[in-house]
Amino acid sequence: MKKIILVFFIFLASSAGYAQVVRPPQTDAGGILNQENDRQKNKEIPKQIPKSLLEKSKKKDIKPSEEKTLIKSFKFEGDIKAFAVSDLQNLLLDLNGKSLTFDQMQLAADRIKDFYNAKGFFLAQ
């Protein structure tokens, strides 16, 4: 019995050496300054569209073999305050009454997005 207790205490004492010490967060001036800089970066609003998003929005080639859907007209719904609905509809007048593929419909949506981007709404998707 004494051997078991002795082995237990040896094991307990040796495992304490492997315990990790948790460091308290930096409280010196440099650490506080870094934390404050990180907070300021998170508060900043971007001034332009990131290049990675611009590369994703490059125009795709239209595949002629896709199914088409007849589009009678485009209707804008929702709380549109930035521009008149007629201005947005004028961007798509040439597509009314035509059969369009999904990619062509996506290009129509891109026209609206580009219009918003040109007017300063650079986060419009």
C-alpha atoms as a PDB file:
ATOM      1  CA  MET A   1       0.000   0.000   0.000  1.00  0.00           C
ATOM      2  CA  LYS A   2       2.860   2.357   0.820  1.00  0.00           C
ATOM      3  CA  LYS A   3       4.377   1.691  -2.599  1.00  0.00           C
ATOM      4  CA  ILE A   4       1.141   2.675  -4.335  1.00  0.00           C
ATOM      5  CA  ILE A   5       0.904   5.917  -2.361  1.00  0.00           C
ATOM      6  CA  LEU A   6       4.574   6.642  -3.049  1.00  0.00           C
ATOM      7  CA  VAL A   7       4.112   6.020  -6.800  1.00  0.00           C
ATOM      8  CA  PHE A   8       1.011   8.242  -6.781  1.00  0.00           C
ATOM      9  CA  PHE A   9       2.880  11.147  -5.168  1.00  0.00           C
ATOM     10  CA  ILE A  10       5.835  10.728  -7.536  1.00  0.00           C
ATOM     11  CA  PHE A  11       3.458  10.790 -10.496  1.00  0.00           C
ATOM     12  CA  LEU A  12       1.621  13.821  -9.096  1.00  0.00           C
ATOM     13  CA  ALA A  13       4.846  15.708  -8.436  1.00  0.00           C
ATOM     14  CA  SER A  14       6.274  14.963 -11.882  1.00  0.00           C
ATOM     15  CA  SER A  15       3.095  15.982 -13.726  1.00  0.00           C
ATOM     16  CA  ALA A  16       3.100  19.389 -12.042  1.00  0.00           C
ATOM     17  CA  GLY A  17       6.241  20.219 -14.017  1.00  0.00           C
ATOM     18  CA  TYR A  18       4.315  19.863 -17.276  1.00  0.00           C
ATOM     19  CA  ALA A  19       1.596  22.310 -16.305  1.00  0.00           C
ATOM     20  CA  GLN A  20       1.513  25.421 -18.432  1.00  0.00           C
ATOM     21  CA  VAL A  21       1.648  28.873 -16.981  1.00  0.00           C
ATOM     22  CA  VAL A  22      -0.948  31.299 -18.329  1.00  0.00           C
ATOM     23  CA  ARG A  23       0.516  34.724 -18.946  1.00  0.00           C
ATOM     24  CA  PRO A  24      -1.585  37.723 -18.063  1.00  0.00           C
ATOM     25  CA  PRO A  25      -2.398  40.067 -20.968  1.00  0.00           C
ATOM     26  CA  GLN A  26       0.131  42.774 -21.712  1.00  0.00           C
ATOM     27  CA  THR A  27      -0.493  45.802 -19.582  1.00  0.00           C
ATOM     28  CA  ASP A  28       2.502  47.830 -20.657  1.00  0.00           C
ATOM     29  CA  ALA A  29       2.174  50.915 -22.856  1.00  0.00           C
ATOM     30  CA  GLY A  30       3.070  49.071 -26.072  1.00  0.00           C
ATOM     31  CA  GLY A  31       0.463  46.366 -25.522  1.00  0.00           C
ATOM     32  CA  ILE A  32      -2.241  48.896 -24.765  1.00  0.00           C
ATOM     33  CA  LEU A  33      -1.295  50.921 -27.853  1.00  0.00           C
ATOM     34  CA  ASN A  34      -1.515  47.801 -30.050  1.00  0.00           C
ATOM     35  CA  GLN A  35      -4.945  46.965 -28.642  1.00  0.00           C
ATOM     36  CA  GLU A  36      -6.148  50.498 -29.296  1.00  0.00           C
ATOM     37  CA  ASN A  37      -4.822  50.424 -32.886  1.00  0.00           C
ATOM     38  CA  ASP A  38      -6.662  47.144 -33.511  1.00  0.00           C
ATOM     39  CA  ARG A  39      -9.894  48.668 -32.230  1.00  0.00           C
ATOM     40  CA  GLN A  40      -9.484  51.696 -34.512  1.00  0.00           C
ATOM     41  CA  LYS A  41      -8.895  49.469 -37.565  1.00  0.00           C
ATOM     42  CA  ASN A  42     -12.155  47.646 -36.871  1.00  0.00           C
ATOM     43  CA  LYS A  43     -14.075  50.935 -36.707  1.00  0.00           C
ATOM     44  CA  GLU A  44     -12.810  52.328 -40.030  1.00  0.00           C
ATOM     45  CA  ILE A  45     -15.125  52.244 -43.041  1.00  0.00           C
ATOM     46  CA  PRO A  46     -13.428  51.353 -46.338  1.00  0.00           C
ATOM     47  CA  LYS A  47     -13.036  54.226 -48.811  1.00  0.00           C
ATOM     48  CA  GLN A  48     -13.035  52.093 -51.957  1.00  0.00           C
ATOM     49  CA  ILE A  49     -13.912  48.630 -53.178  1.00  0.00           C
ATOM     50  CA  PRO A  50     -11.223  46.064 -52.311  1.00  0.00           C
ATOM     51  CA  LYS A  51      -9.355  44.767 -55.364  1.00  0.00           C
ATOM     52  CA  SER A  52     -10.308  41.180 -54.530  1.00  0.00           C
ATOM     53  CA  LEU A  53     -13.998  42.068 -54.910  1.00  0.00           C
ATOM     54  CA  LEU A  54     -13.347  43.897 -58.169  1.00  0.00           C
ATOM     55  CA  GLU A  55     -11.635  40.839 -59.642  1.00  0.00           C
ATOM     56  CA  LYS A  56     -14.609  38.633 -58.726  1.00  0.00           C
ATOM     57  CA  SER A  57     -17.025  40.922 -60.537  1.00  0.00           C
ATOM     58  CA  LYS A  58     -15.365  40.574 -63.957  1.00  0.00           C
ATOM     59  CA  LYS A  59     -17.811  39.887 -66.737  1.00  0.00           C
ATOM     60  CA  LYS A  60     -18.456  36.257 -67.658  1.00  0.00           C
ATOM     61  CA  ASP A  61     -18.734  34.893 -71.180  1.00  0.00           C
ATOM     62  CA  ILE A  62     -22.324  34.215 -72.201  1.00  0.00           C
ATOM     63  CA  LYS A  63     -23.082  30.595 -73.097  1.00  0.00           C
ATOM     64  CA  PRO A  64     -25.503  30.516 -76.052  1.00  0.00           C
ATOM     65  CA  SER A  65     -26.865  27.006 -75.369  1.00  0.00           C
ATOM     66  CA  GLU A  66     -28.634  27.817 -72.075  1.00  0.00           C
ATOM     67  CA  GLU A  67     -32.400  27.980 -71.619  1.00  0.00           C
ATOM     68  CA  LYS A  68     -33.980  31.380 -72.032  1.00  0.00           C
ATOM     69  CA  THR A  69     -36.845  33.072 -70.211  1.00  0.00           C
ATOM     70  CA  LEU A  70     -39.047  35.803 -71.641  1.00  0.00           C
ATOM     71  CA  ILE A  71     -38.673  38.977 -69.599  1.00  0.00           C
ATOM     72  CA  LYS A  72     -41.632  41.308 -70.079  1.00  0.00           C
ATOM     73  CA  SER A  73     -40.286  44.025 -67.798  1.00  0.00           C
ATOM     74  CA  PHE A  74     -38.184  44.610 -64.702  1.00  0.00           C
ATOM     75  CA  LYS A  75     -39.913  45.609 -61.475  1.00  0.00           C
ATOM     76  CA  PHE A  76     -38.069  47.157 -58.534  1.00  0.00           C
ATOM     77  CA  GLU A  77     -39.455  46.514 -55.066  1.00  0.00           C
ATOM     78  CA  GLY A  78     -38.428  47.598 -51.628  1.00  0.00           C
ATOM     79  CA  ASP A  79     -37.490  50.840 -49.974  1.00  0.00           C
ATOM     80  CA  ILE A  80     -35.588  52.544 -52.799  1.00  0.00           C
ATOM     81  CA  LYS A  81     -34.676  56.034 -51.604  1.00  0.00           C
ATOM     82  CA  ALA A  82     -31.327  56.726 -53.230  1.00  0.00           C
ATOM     83  CA  PHE A  83     -32.600  56.928 -56.826  1.00  0.00           C
ATOM     84  CA  ALA A  84     -35.864  57.177 -58.699  1.00  0.00           C
ATOM     85  CA  VAL A  85     -37.217  53.819 -59.854  1.00  0.00           C
ATOM     86  CA  SER A  86     -37.510  55.264 -63.367  1.00  0.00           C
ATOM     87  CA  ASP A  87     -33.729  55.867 -63.410  1.00  0.00           C
ATOM     88  CA  LEU A  88     -33.122  52.212 -62.590  1.00  0.00           C
ATOM     89  CA  GLN A  89     -35.670  51.017 -65.148  1.00  0.00           C
ATOM     90  CA  ASN A  90     -34.019  53.143 -67.847  1.00  0.00           C
ATOM     91  CA  LEU A  91     -30.828  51.137 -67.343  1.00  0.00           C
ATOM     92  CA  LEU A  92     -32.648  47.975 -68.448  1.00  0.00           C
ATOM     93  CA  LEU A  93     -35.036  49.296 -71.125  1.00  0.00           C
ATOM     94  CA  ASP A  94     -33.247  47.469 -73.937  1.00  0.00           C
ATOM     95  CA  LEU A  95     -33.866  44.110 -72.202  1.00  0.00           C
ATOM     96  CA  ASN A  96     -37.649  44.442 -71.790  1.00  0.00           C
ATOM     97  CA  GLY A  97     -39.610  41.977 -73.926  1.00  0.00           C
ATOM     98  CA  LYS A  98     -36.595  39.785 -74.712  1.00  0.00           C
ATOM     99  CA  SER A  99     -35.744  36.171 -73.932  1.00  0.00           C
ATOM    100  CA  LEU A 100     -32.699  36.113 -71.669  1.00  0.00           C
ATOM    101  CA  THR A 101     -30.456  33.408 -70.269  1.00  0.00           C
ATOM    102  CA  PHE A 102     -29.590  33.363 -66.587  1.00  0.00           C
ATOM    103  CA  ASP A 103     -26.170  34.863 -67.332  1.00  0.00           C
ATOM    104  CA  GLN A 104     -27.789  37.707 -69.268  1.00  0.00           C
ATOM    105  CA  MET A 105     -30.110  38.345 -66.319  1.00  0.00           C
ATOM    106  CA  GLN A 106     -27.053  38.406 -64.072  1.00  0.00           C
ATOM    107  CA  LEU A 107     -25.453  40.990 -66.374  1.00  0.00           C
ATOM    108  CA  ALA A 108     -28.621  43.079 -66.017  1.00  0.00           C
ATOM    109  CA  ALA A 109     -28.227  42.920 -62.236  1.00  0.00           C
ATOM    110  CA  ASP A 110     -24.582  43.931 -62.706  1.00  0.00           C
ATOM    111  CA  ARG A 111     -25.747  47.058 -64.572  1.00  0.00           C
ATOM    112  CA  ILE A 112     -27.727  48.105 -61.500  1.00  0.00           C
ATOM    113  CA  LYS A 113     -24.796  47.296 -59.214  1.00  0.00           C
ATOM    114  CA  ASP A 114     -22.407  49.293 -61.417  1.00  0.00           C
ATOM    115  CA  PHE A 115     -24.842  52.234 -61.400  1.00  0.00           C
ATOM    116  CA  TYR A 116     -24.917  52.224 -57.594  1.00  0.00           C
ATOM    117  CA  ASN A 117     -21.116  51.874 -57.444  1.00  0.00           C
ATOM    118  CA  ALA A 118     -20.656  54.829 -59.805  1.00  0.00           C
ATOM    119  CA  LYS A 119     -22.874  56.973 -57.567  1.00  0.00           C
ATOM    120  CA  GLY A 120     -20.736  56.244 -54.496  1.00  0.00           C
ATOM    121  CA  PHE A 121     -22.491  53.168 -53.119  1.00  0.00           C
ATOM    122  CA  PHE A 122     -19.359  51.056 -53.457  1.00  0.00           C
ATOM    123  CA  LEU A 123     -20.587  48.282 -51.154  1.00  0.00           C
ATOM    124  CA  ALA A 124     -23.610  47.505 -53.351  1.00  0.00           C
ATOM    125  CA  GLN A 125     -23.616  43.900 -54.487  1.00  0.00           C
END
